[in-house]
PDB file of N, CA and C in Angstrom:
ATOM      1  N   MET A   1     118.197 -56.894  82.453  1.00  0.00           N
ATOM      2  CA  MET A   1     117.722 -56.435  83.768  1.00  0.00           C
ATOM      3  C   MET A   1     118.299 -57.338  84.746  1.00  0.00           C
ATOM      4  N   GLY A   2     119.214 -56.914  85.676  1.00  0.00           N
ATOM      5  CA  GLY A   2     119.794 -57.430  86.588  1.00  0.00           C
ATOM      6  C   GLY A   2     119.324 -57.836  87.905  1.00  0.00           C
ATOM      7  N   GLU A   3     118.388 -56.972  88.104  1.00  0.00           N
ATOM      8  CA  GLU A   3     117.764 -57.342  89.495  1.00  0.00           C
ATOM      9  C   GLU A   3     116.577 -58.468  89.489  1.00  0.00           C
ATOM     10  N   SER A   4     116.534 -59.357  90.447  1.00  0.00           N
ATOM     11  CA  SER A   4     115.775 -60.038  90.378  1.00  0.00           C
ATOM     12  C   SER A   4     114.328 -59.643  91.292  1.00  0.00           C
ATOM     13  N   VAL A   5     113.211 -60.425  90.935  1.00  0.00           N
ATOM     14  CA  VAL A   5     111.921 -60.246  91.703  1.00  0.00           C
ATOM     15  C   VAL A   5     112.222 -60.401  93.196  1.00  0.00           C
ATOM     16  N   GLU A   6     112.871 -61.513  93.318  1.00  0.00           N
ATOM     17  CA  GLU A   6     113.353 -61.992  94.742  1.00  0.00           C
ATOM     18  C   GLU A   6     114.063 -60.741  95.484  1.00  0.00           C
ATOM     19  N   GLY A   7     114.855 -60.397  94.742  1.00  0.00           N
ATOM     20  CA  GLY A   7     115.932 -59.132  95.205  1.00  0.00           C
ATOM     21  C   GLY A   7     114.914 -57.732  95.534  1.00  0.00           C
ATOM     22  N   VAL A   8     114.086 -57.641  94.578  1.00  0.00           N
ATOM     23  CA  VAL A   8     112.851 -56.431  94.859  1.00  0.00           C
ATOM     24  C   VAL A   8     112.059 -56.695  96.019  1.00  0.00           C
ATOM     25  N   ALA A   9     111.724 -57.647  95.968  1.00  0.00           N
ATOM     26  CA  ALA A   9     110.755 -58.288  97.363  1.00  0.00           C
ATOM     27  C   ALA A   9     111.688 -58.279  98.655  1.00  0.00           C
ATOM     28  N   ALA A  10     112.699 -58.522  98.492  1.00  0.00           N
ATOM     29  CA  ALA A  10     113.329 -58.627  99.799  1.00  0.00           C
ATOM     30  C   ALA A  10     113.685 -57.221 100.276  1.00  0.00           C
ATOM     31  N   SER A  11     114.269 -56.329  99.297  1.00  0.00           N
ATOM     32  CA  SER A  11     114.449 -54.975  99.615  1.00  0.00           C
ATOM     33  C   SER A  11     113.192 -53.999  99.837  1.00  0.00           C
ATOM     34  N   SER A  12     112.022 -54.511  99.357  1.00  0.00           N
ATOM     35  CA  SER A  12     110.732 -53.935  99.847  1.00  0.00           C
ATOM     36  C   SER A  12     110.152 -54.490 100.945  1.00  0.00           C
ATOM     37  N   GLY A  13     110.655 -55.470 101.635  1.00  0.00           N
ATOM     38  CA  GLY A  13     110.241 -56.077 102.896  1.00  0.00           C
ATOM     39  C   GLY A  13     109.088 -56.812 102.705  1.00  0.00           C
ATOM     40  N   VAL A  14     108.645 -57.313 101.530  1.00  0.00           N
ATOM     41  CA  VAL A  14     107.464 -58.239 101.020  1.00  0.00           C
ATOM     42  C   VAL A  14     107.769 -59.530 100.514  1.00  0.00           C
ATOM     43  N   HIS A  15     107.114 -60.572 100.432  1.00  0.00           N
ATOM     44  CA  HIS A  15     107.072 -61.795  99.680  1.00  0.00           C
ATOM     45  C   HIS A  15     106.950 -61.455  98.172  1.00  0.00           C
ATOM     46  N   LYS A  16     107.484 -62.342  97.522  1.00  0.00           N
ATOM     47  CA  LYS A  16     107.459 -61.877  95.903  1.00  0.00           C
ATOM     48  C   LYS A  16     106.256 -62.259  95.348  1.00  0.00           C
ATOM     49  N   SER A  17     105.483 -63.059  96.127  1.00  0.00           N
ATOM     50  CA  SER A  17     103.943 -63.246  95.518  1.00  0.00           C
ATOM     51  C   SER A  17     103.224 -62.148  95.786  1.00  0.00           C
ATOM     52  N   THR A  18     103.424 -60.882  96.594  1.00  0.00           N
ATOM     53  CA  THR A  18     102.919 -59.681  96.821  1.00  0.00           C
ATOM     54  C   THR A  18     103.177 -58.928  95.377  1.00  0.00           C
ATOM     55  N   LEU A  19     104.390 -59.058  94.965  1.00  0.00           N
ATOM     56  CA  LEU A  19     104.712 -58.133  93.663  1.00  0.00           C
ATOM     57  C   LEU A  19     103.863 -58.817  92.467  1.00  0.00           C
ATOM     58  N   TYR A  20     104.019 -60.297  92.380  1.00  0.00           N
ATOM     59  CA  TYR A  20     103.285 -60.891  91.276  1.00  0.00           C
ATOM     60  C   TYR A  20     101.766 -60.420  91.387  1.00  0.00           C
ATOM     61  N   ARG A  21     101.098 -60.357  92.422  1.00  0.00           N
ATOM     62  CA  ARG A  21      99.823 -59.913  92.694  1.00  0.00           C
ATOM     63  C   ARG A  21      99.385 -58.333  91.830  1.00  0.00           C
ATOM     64  N   TRP A  22     100.613 -57.692  91.664  1.00  0.00           N
ATOM     65  CA  TRP A  22     100.380 -56.358  91.327  1.00  0.00           C
ATOM     66  C   TRP A  22     101.108 -56.336  89.879  1.00  0.00           C
ATOM     67  N   TRP A  23     102.082 -57.028  89.603  1.00  0.00           N
ATOM     68  CA  TRP A  23     102.738 -57.130  88.411  1.00  0.00           C
ATOM     69  C   TRP A  23     103.100 -58.414  87.690  1.00  0.00           C
ATOM     70  N   ALA A  24     102.526 -58.707  86.431  1.00  0.00           N
ATOM     71  CA  ALA A  24     102.332 -60.006  85.965  1.00  0.00           C
ATOM     72  C   ALA A  24     103.917 -60.749  85.881  1.00  0.00           C
ATOM     73  N   ASP A  25     104.705 -59.671  85.821  1.00  0.00           N
ATOM     74  CA  ASP A  25     106.160 -60.220  85.572  1.00  0.00           C
ATOM     75  C   ASP A  25     107.307 -59.316  85.773  1.00  0.00           C
ATOM     76  N   LYS A  26     108.460 -59.641  85.586  1.00  0.00           N
ATOM     77  CA  LYS A  26     109.431 -58.772  86.132  1.00  0.00           C
ATOM     78  C   LYS A  26     109.522 -57.416  85.028  1.00  0.00           C
ATOM     79  N   ALA A  27     109.276 -57.722  83.669  1.00  0.00           N
ATOM     80  CA  ALA A  27     109.399 -56.562  82.792  1.00  0.00           C
ATOM     81  C   ALA A  27     108.069 -55.481  83.181  1.00  0.00           C
ATOM     82  N   ALA A  28     106.859 -56.104  83.479  1.00  0.00           N
ATOM     83  CA  ALA A  28     105.884 -54.978  83.925  1.00  0.00           C
ATOM     84  C   ALA A  28     106.112 -54.114  85.271  1.00  0.00           C
ATOM     85  N   LEU A  29     107.065 -55.147  86.121  1.00  0.00           N
ATOM     86  CA  LEU A  29     107.151 -54.252  87.405  1.00  0.00           C
ATOM     87  C   LEU A  29     108.555 -53.274  86.862  1.00  0.00           C
ATOM     88  N   VAL A  30     109.250 -53.544  86.149  1.00  0.00           N
ATOM     89  CA  VAL A  30     110.579 -52.545  85.471  1.00  0.00           C
ATOM     90  C   VAL A  30     109.847 -51.465  84.758  1.00  0.00           C
ATOM     91  N   ALA A  31     108.842 -51.844  83.929  1.00  0.00           N
ATOM     92  CA  ALA A  31     107.951 -50.743  83.070  1.00  0.00           C
ATOM     93  C   ALA A  31     107.389 -49.511  83.930  1.00  0.00           C
ATOM     94  N   ASP A  32     106.740 -50.135  84.830  1.00  0.00           N
ATOM     95  CA  ASP A  32     105.882 -49.235  86.095  1.00  0.00           C
ATOM     96  C   ASP A  32     106.716 -48.363  86.759  1.00  0.00           C
ATOM     97  N   ALA A  33     108.261 -49.099  87.331  1.00  0.00           N
ATOM     98  CA  ALA A  33     109.063 -48.558  87.953  1.00  0.00           C
ATOM     99  C   ALA A  33     109.864 -47.213  87.141  1.00  0.00           C
ATOM    100  N   LEU A  34     110.056 -47.592  85.965  1.00  0.00           N
ATOM    101  CA  LEU A  34     110.486 -46.469  85.017  1.00  0.00           C
ATOM    102  C   LEU A  34     109.506 -45.215  84.862  1.00  0.00           C
ATOM    103  N   ALA A  35     108.259 -45.886  84.684  1.00  0.00           N
ATOM    104  CA  ALA A  35     107.200 -44.689  84.217  1.00  0.00           C
ATOM    105  C   ALA A  35     106.706 -44.076  85.434  1.00  0.00           C
ATOM    106  N   SER A  36     107.076 -44.389  86.778  1.00  0.00           N
ATOM    107  CA  SER A  36     106.930 -43.554  87.776  1.00  0.00           C
ATOM    108  C   SER A  36     108.068 -42.462  87.968  1.00  0.00           C
ATOM    109  N   ARG A  37     109.087 -42.871  87.254  1.00  0.00           N
ATOM    110  CA  ARG A  37     110.223 -41.745  87.425  1.00  0.00           C
ATOM    111  C   ARG A  37     110.111 -40.749  86.271  1.00  0.00           C
ATOM    112  N   MET A  38     109.829 -41.158  85.166  1.00  0.00           N
ATOM    113  CA  MET A  38     109.486 -40.078  84.135  1.00  0.00           C
ATOM    114  C   MET A  38     108.687 -38.983  84.429  1.00  0.00           C
ATOM    115  N   ASP A  39     108.874 -37.770  83.933  1.00  0.00           N
ATOM    116  CA  ASP A  39     108.148 -36.481  84.378  1.00  0.00           C
ATOM    117  C   ASP A  39     107.643 -36.110  82.899  1.00  0.00           C
ATOM    118  N   PRO A  40     106.287 -36.130  82.874  1.00  0.00           N
ATOM    119  CA  PRO A  40     105.514 -35.720  81.888  1.00  0.00           C
ATOM    120  C   PRO A  40     105.517 -34.331  81.454  1.00  0.00           C
ATOM    121  N   GLY A  41     105.637 -33.580  82.683  1.00  0.00           N
ATOM    122  CA  GLY A  41     105.548 -32.035  82.609  1.00  0.00           C
ATOM    123  C   GLY A  41     104.231 -31.585  82.633  1.00  0.00           C
ATOM    124  N   SER A  42     104.128 -30.174  82.694  1.00  0.00           N
ATOM    125  CA  SER A  42     102.779 -29.673  82.319  1.00  0.00           C
ATOM    126  C   SER A  42     102.572 -29.193  81.044  1.00  0.00           C
ATOM    127  N   LEU A  43     101.531 -28.941  80.747  1.00  0.00           N
ATOM    128  CA  LEU A  43     101.190 -28.397  79.302  1.00  0.00           C
ATOM    129  C   LEU A  43     101.809 -26.923  79.166  1.00  0.00           C
ATOM    130  N   PRO A  44     102.813 -26.688  78.341  1.00  0.00           N
ATOM    131  CA  PRO A  44     102.943 -25.182  78.151  1.00  0.00           C
ATOM    132  C   PRO A  44     102.121 -24.265  77.706  1.00  0.00           C
ATOM    133  N   ASP A  45     101.980 -23.106  78.118  1.00  0.00           N
ATOM    134  CA  ASP A  45     101.302 -22.038  77.352  1.00  0.00           C
ATOM    135  C   ASP A  45     101.807 -21.005  76.504  1.00  0.00           C
ATOM    136  N   THR A  46     101.790 -21.719  74.810  1.00  0.00           N
ATOM    137  CA  THR A  46     102.667 -20.959  74.112  1.00  0.00           C
ATOM    138  C   THR A  46     101.681 -19.726  73.262  1.00  0.00           C
ATOM    139  N   GLY A  47     100.378 -19.720  73.928  1.00  0.00           N
ATOM    140  CA  GLY A  47      99.915 -18.730  73.364  1.00  0.00           C
ATOM    141  C   GLY A  47      98.804 -19.103  71.929  1.00  0.00           C
ATOM    142  N   THR A  48      99.319 -20.679  71.529  1.00  0.00           N
ATOM    143  CA  THR A  48      98.357 -21.164  70.685  1.00  0.00           C
ATOM    144  C   THR A  48      98.145 -22.554  70.776  1.00  0.00           C
ATOM    145  N   THR A  49      96.694 -23.137  69.911  1.00  0.00           N
ATOM    146  CA  THR A  49      96.419 -24.301  70.289  1.00  0.00           C
ATOM    147  C   THR A  49      97.058 -25.371  69.845  1.00  0.00           C
ATOM    148  N   ARG A  50      97.850 -24.965  68.754  1.00  0.00           N
ATOM    149  CA  ARG A  50      98.829 -26.088  68.009  1.00  0.00           C
ATOM    150  C   ARG A  50     100.273 -25.922  68.765  1.00  0.00           C
ATOM    151  N   GLY A  51     100.571 -24.812  69.313  1.00  0.00           N
ATOM    152  CA  GLY A  51     101.930 -24.632  69.869  1.00  0.00           C
ATOM    153  C   GLY A  51     102.056 -25.356  71.273  1.00  0.00           C
ATOM    154  N   ASP A  52     100.844 -25.347  71.957  1.00  0.00           N
ATOM    155  CA  ASP A  52     100.983 -26.000  73.574  1.00  0.00           C
ATOM    156  C   ASP A  52     101.146 -27.565  73.221  1.00  0.00           C
ATOM    157  N   PRO A  53     100.605 -28.387  72.538  1.00  0.00           N
ATOM    158  CA  PRO A  53     100.757 -29.900  72.539  1.00  0.00           C
ATOM    159  C   PRO A  53     102.376 -30.069  71.786  1.00  0.00           C
ATOM    160  N   THR A  54     102.382 -29.240  70.717  1.00  0.00           N
ATOM    161  CA  THR A  54     103.671 -29.394  70.175  1.00  0.00           C
ATOM    162  C   THR A  54     104.754 -28.989  71.110  1.00  0.00           C
ATOM    163  N   ALA A  55     104.876 -28.028  72.215  1.00  0.00           N
ATOM    164  CA  ALA A  55     105.823 -27.651  72.977  1.00  0.00           C
ATOM    165  C   ALA A  55     105.916 -28.907  73.979  1.00  0.00           C
ATOM    166  N   TRP A  56     104.740 -29.321  74.325  1.00  0.00           N
ATOM    167  CA  TRP A  56     104.650 -30.383  75.698  1.00  0.00           C
ATOM    168  C   TRP A  56     105.293 -31.582  74.712  1.00  0.00           C
ATOM    169  N   LEU A  57     105.049 -31.937  73.457  1.00  0.00           N
ATOM    170  CA  LEU A  57     105.572 -33.171  73.070  1.00  0.00           C
ATOM    171  C   LEU A  57     107.015 -33.170  72.986  1.00  0.00           C
ATOM    172  N   ARG A  58     107.404 -31.952  72.468  1.00  0.00           N
ATOM    173  CA  ARG A  58     108.946 -31.851  72.199  1.00  0.00           C
ATOM    174  C   ARG A  58     109.589 -31.902  73.642  1.00  0.00           C
ATOM    175  N   GLY A  59     108.978 -31.365  74.629  1.00  0.00           N
ATOM    176  CA  GLY A  59     109.620 -31.740  75.839  1.00  0.00           C
ATOM    177  C   GLY A  59     109.646 -33.199  76.434  1.00  0.00           C
ATOM    178  N   THR A  60     108.401 -33.885  76.312  1.00  0.00           N
ATOM    179  CA  THR A  60     108.333 -35.264  76.493  1.00  0.00           C
ATOM    180  C   THR A  60     109.513 -36.008  75.784  1.00  0.00           C
ATOM    181  N   ILE A  61     109.537 -35.898  74.539  1.00  0.00           N
ATOM    182  CA  ILE A  61     110.669 -36.539  73.713  1.00  0.00           C
ATOM    183  C   ILE A  61     112.148 -36.252  74.423  1.00  0.00           C
ATOM    184  N   ALA A  62     112.367 -34.826  74.726  1.00  0.00           N
ATOM    185  CA  ALA A  62     113.660 -34.840  75.181  1.00  0.00           C
ATOM    186  C   ALA A  62     113.851 -35.703  76.843  1.00  0.00           C
ATOM    187  N   ASN A  63     112.638 -35.677  77.548  1.00  0.00           N
ATOM    188  CA  ASN A  63     112.637 -36.367  78.721  1.00  0.00           C
ATOM    189  C   ASN A  63     112.914 -37.692  78.346  1.00  0.00           C
ATOM    190  N   TYR A  64     112.382 -38.213  77.548  1.00  0.00           N
ATOM    191  CA  TYR A  64     112.401 -39.835  77.301  1.00  0.00           C
ATOM    192  C   TYR A  64     113.627 -40.066  76.653  1.00  0.00           C
ATOM    193  N   THR A  65     114.442 -39.132  75.941  1.00  0.00           N
ATOM    194  CA  THR A  65     115.858 -39.540  75.222  1.00  0.00           C
ATOM    195  C   THR A  65     116.835 -38.901  75.898  1.00  0.00           C
ATOM    196  N   ALA A  66     116.614 -38.345  77.126  1.00  0.00           N
ATOM    197  CA  ALA A  66     117.913 -38.104  77.953  1.00  0.00           C
ATOM    198  C   ALA A  66     118.369 -38.544  79.016  1.00  0.00           C
ATOM    199  N   SER A  67     117.552 -39.891  79.176  1.00  0.00           N
ATOM    200  CA  SER A  67     117.834 -40.570  80.359  1.00  0.00           C
ATOM    201  C   SER A  67     117.939 -42.107  79.926  1.00  0.00           C
ATOM    202  N   PRO A  68     118.633 -43.171  80.696  1.00  0.00           N
ATOM    203  CA  PRO A  68     118.373 -44.368  80.701  1.00  0.00           C
ATOM    204  C   PRO A  68     117.363 -45.282  80.559  1.00  0.00           C
ATOM    205  N   ALA A  69     116.499 -44.550  81.714  1.00  0.00           N
ATOM    206  CA  ALA A  69     115.202 -44.756  81.860  1.00  0.00           C
ATOM    207  C   ALA A  69     114.277 -44.846  80.644  1.00  0.00           C
ATOM    208  N   GLY A  70     114.281 -43.524  80.135  1.00  0.00           N
ATOM    209  CA  GLY A  70     113.324 -43.214  78.805  1.00  0.00           C
ATOM    210  C   GLY A  70     113.967 -44.025  77.709  1.00  0.00           C
ATOM    211  N   ALA A  71     115.178 -44.363  77.387  1.00  0.00           N
ATOM    212  CA  ALA A  71     115.651 -45.167  76.364  1.00  0.00           C
ATOM    213  C   ALA A  71     115.199 -46.666  76.379  1.00  0.00           C
ATOM    214  N   ALA A  72     114.877 -46.945  77.806  1.00  0.00           N
ATOM    215  CA  ALA A  72     114.516 -48.449  78.100  1.00  0.00           C
ATOM    216  C   ALA A  72     113.051 -48.754  77.843  1.00  0.00           C
ATOM    217  N   MET A  73     112.359 -47.513  77.965  1.00  0.00           N
ATOM    218  CA  MET A  73     110.835 -47.691  77.626  1.00  0.00           C
ATOM    219  C   MET A  73     110.190 -48.459  76.507  1.00  0.00           C
ATOM    220  N   PRO A  74     110.712 -47.879  75.439  1.00  0.00           N
ATOM    221  CA  PRO A  74     110.380 -48.378  74.102  1.00  0.00           C
ATOM    222  C   PRO A  74     110.266 -49.942  74.010  1.00  0.00           C
ATOM    223  N   ALA A  75     111.359 -50.496  74.457  1.00  0.00           N
ATOM    224  CA  ALA A  75     111.855 -51.675  74.459  1.00  0.00           C
ATOM    225  C   ALA A  75     110.944 -52.431  75.291  1.00  0.00           C
ATOM    226  N   LEU A  76     110.665 -52.000  76.621  1.00  0.00           N
ATOM    227  CA  LEU A  76     109.874 -52.667  77.483  1.00  0.00           C
ATOM    228  C   LEU A  76     108.276 -52.738  77.090  1.00  0.00           C
ATOM    229  N   ILE A  77     107.799 -51.337  76.411  1.00  0.00           N
ATOM    230  CA  ILE A  77     106.307 -51.286  76.056  1.00  0.00           C
ATOM    231  C   ILE A  77     106.323 -52.510  74.884  1.00  0.00           C
ATOM    232  N   ALA A  78     107.169 -52.449  74.013  1.00  0.00           N
ATOM    233  CA  ALA A  78     106.992 -53.310  72.731  1.00  0.00           C
ATOM    234  C   ALA A  78     107.106 -54.814  73.309  1.00  0.00           C
ATOM    235  N   ASP A  79     107.799 -54.929  74.578  1.00  0.00           N
ATOM    236  CA  ASP A  79     107.801 -56.460  74.870  1.00  0.00           C
ATOM    237  C   ASP A  79     106.608 -56.755  75.592  1.00  0.00           C
ATOM    238  N   LEU A  80     105.878 -55.761  76.308  1.00  0.00           N
ATOM    239  CA  LEU A  80     104.768 -56.120  76.919  1.00  0.00           C
ATOM    240  C   LEU A  80     103.270 -55.863  76.201  1.00  0.00           C
ATOM    241  N   ALA A  81     103.645 -55.584  74.993  1.00  0.00           N
ATOM    242  CA  ALA A  81     102.454 -54.962  74.293  1.00  0.00           C
ATOM    243  C   ALA A  81     101.733 -56.558  73.637  1.00  0.00           C
ATOM    244  N   GLY A  82     102.226 -57.570  73.553  1.00  0.00           N
ATOM    245  CA  GLY A  82     101.498 -58.601  72.889  1.00  0.00           C
ATOM    246  C   GLY A  82     101.527 -59.418  74.196  1.00  0.00           C
ATOM    247  N   ARG A  83     101.522 -59.107  75.356  1.00  0.00           N
ATOM    248  CA  ARG A  83     101.302 -60.323  76.250  1.00  0.00           C
ATOM    249  C   ARG A  83      99.875 -60.286  76.810  1.00  0.00           C
ATOM    250  N   PRO A  84      99.137 -61.269  77.264  1.00  0.00           N
ATOM    251  CA  PRO A  84      98.256 -61.356  78.091  1.00  0.00           C
ATOM    252  C   PRO A  84      98.150 -60.611  79.204  1.00  0.00           C
ATOM    253  N   GLY A  85      97.125 -59.823  79.740  1.00  0.00           N
ATOM    254  CA  GLY A  85      97.454 -58.898  81.180  1.00  0.00           C
ATOM    255  C   GLY A  85      98.495 -58.051  80.757  1.00  0.00           C
ATOM    256  N   ARG A  86      98.541 -57.346  79.583  1.00  0.00           N
ATOM    257  CA  ARG A  86      99.472 -56.502  79.557  1.00  0.00           C
ATOM    258  C   ARG A  86      99.718 -55.099  80.539  1.00  0.00           C
ATOM    259  N   TRP A  87     100.527 -54.671  80.440  1.00  0.00           N
ATOM    260  CA  TRP A  87     101.149 -53.417  81.430  1.00  0.00           C
ATOM    261  C   TRP A  87     100.165 -52.460  80.999  1.00  0.00           C
ATOM    262  N   THR A  88      99.576 -51.680  82.325  1.00  0.00           N
ATOM    263  CA  THR A  88      99.092 -50.430  82.320  1.00  0.00           C
ATOM    264  C   THR A  88      99.750 -49.653  83.088  1.00  0.00           C
ATOM    265  N   PRO A  89      99.807 -48.301  83.317  1.00  0.00           N
ATOM    266  CA  PRO A  89     100.324 -47.574  84.271  1.00  0.00           C
ATOM    267  C   PRO A  89      99.875 -47.894  85.681  1.00  0.00           C
ATOM    268  N   SER A  90     100.872 -47.990  86.547  1.00  0.00           N
ATOM    269  CA  SER A  90     100.573 -48.256  87.996  1.00  0.00           C
ATOM    270  C   SER A  90     100.209 -49.699  88.171  1.00  0.00           C
ATOM    271  N   GLY A  91     101.092 -50.466  87.312  1.00  0.00           N
ATOM    272  CA  GLY A  91     100.979 -51.793  87.452  1.00  0.00           C
ATOM    273  C   GLY A  91      99.671 -52.362  87.676  1.00  0.00           C
ATOM    274  N   GLN A  92      98.560 -51.815  87.104  1.00  0.00           N
ATOM    275  CA  GLN A  92      97.307 -52.353  87.272  1.00  0.00           C
ATOM    276  C   GLN A  92      97.031 -53.338  86.010  1.00  0.00           C
ATOM    277  N   PRO A  93      96.848 -54.552  85.956  1.00  0.00           N
ATOM    278  CA  PRO A  93      96.441 -55.491  84.899  1.00  0.00           C
ATOM    279  C   PRO A  93      95.291 -54.926  83.969  1.00  0.00           C
ATOM    280  N   SER A  94      95.315 -55.183  82.889  1.00  0.00           N
ATOM    281  CA  SER A  94      94.543 -54.925  81.651  1.00  0.00           C
ATOM    282  C   SER A  94      93.594 -55.823  81.666  1.00  0.00           C
ATOM    283  N   SER A  95      92.337 -55.458  81.259  1.00  0.00           N
ATOM    284  CA  SER A  95      91.216 -56.228  80.988  1.00  0.00           C
ATOM    285  C   SER A  95      91.412 -56.650  79.343  1.00  0.00           C
ATOM    286  N   PRO A  96      90.889 -58.096  78.831  1.00  0.00           N
ATOM    287  CA  PRO A  96      91.031 -58.578  77.662  1.00  0.00           C
ATOM    288  C   PRO A  96      90.709 -57.183  76.469  1.00  0.00           C
ATOM    289  N   SER A  97      89.784 -56.225  76.880  1.00  0.00           N
ATOM    290  CA  SER A  97      89.643 -55.264  75.901  1.00  0.00           C
ATOM    291  C   SER A  97      90.784 -54.236  75.849  1.00  0.00           C
ATOM    292  N   GLY A  98      91.677 -54.402  77.037  1.00  0.00           N
ATOM    293  CA  GLY A  98      92.769 -53.137  76.678  1.00  0.00           C
ATOM    294  C   GLY A  98      92.593 -52.308  77.674  1.00  0.00           C
ATOM    295  N   GLY A  99      91.248 -52.177  78.373  1.00  0.00           N
ATOM    296  CA  GLY A  99      91.206 -50.935  79.341  1.00  0.00           C
ATOM    297  C   GLY A  99      91.764 -51.774  80.645  1.00  0.00           C
ATOM    298  N   PRO A 100      91.683 -50.897  81.834  1.00  0.00           N
ATOM    299  CA  PRO A 100      92.036 -51.537  83.021  1.00  0.00           C
ATOM    300  C   PRO A 100      91.237 -52.509  83.677  1.00  0.00           C
ATOM    301  N   ALA A 101      91.558 -53.504  84.051  1.00  0.00           N
ATOM    302  CA  ALA A 101      90.573 -54.654  84.665  1.00  0.00           C
ATOM    303  C   ALA A 101      89.872 -54.158  85.990  1.00  0.00           C
ATOM    304  N   ALA A 102      88.866 -54.832  86.061  1.00  0.00           N
ATOM    305  CA  ALA A 102      87.955 -54.574  87.230  1.00  0.00           C
ATOM    306  C   ALA A 102      88.661 -54.831  88.435  1.00  0.00           C
ATOM    307  N   PRO A 103      88.509 -54.040  89.429  1.00  0.00           N
ATOM    308  CA  PRO A 103      89.098 -54.438  91.041  1.00  0.00           C
ATOM    309  C   PRO A 103      89.036 -55.843  91.276  1.00  0.00           C
ATOM    310  N   ARG A 104      90.074 -56.590  91.918  1.00  0.00           N
ATOM    311  CA  ARG A 104      89.967 -57.803  92.418  1.00  0.00           C
ATOM    312  C   ARG A 104      89.357 -57.805  93.790  1.00  0.00           C
TER     313      ARG A 104
END
């Protein structure tokens, strides 16, 4: 990760403390940025209950493996999985139980 939190804050026109209010660290910020760029697509209608999620999963796997962002996600998720306040989609910190934390 070559970009610094300070650089992201400067290009966003905010102080880095604003970023840390939403993301615990640089990895969480990057994971959320990458996740916002990944398109899960809509659930296809193949005509069968088994075929619909199977087709969707194949499309999702293709989406994640066809881009550098998708290729980076497993490593970021693994890095974030064991951390307190681990990442959840849209940068919201999680509670100790693993669900989204209550609003501050």
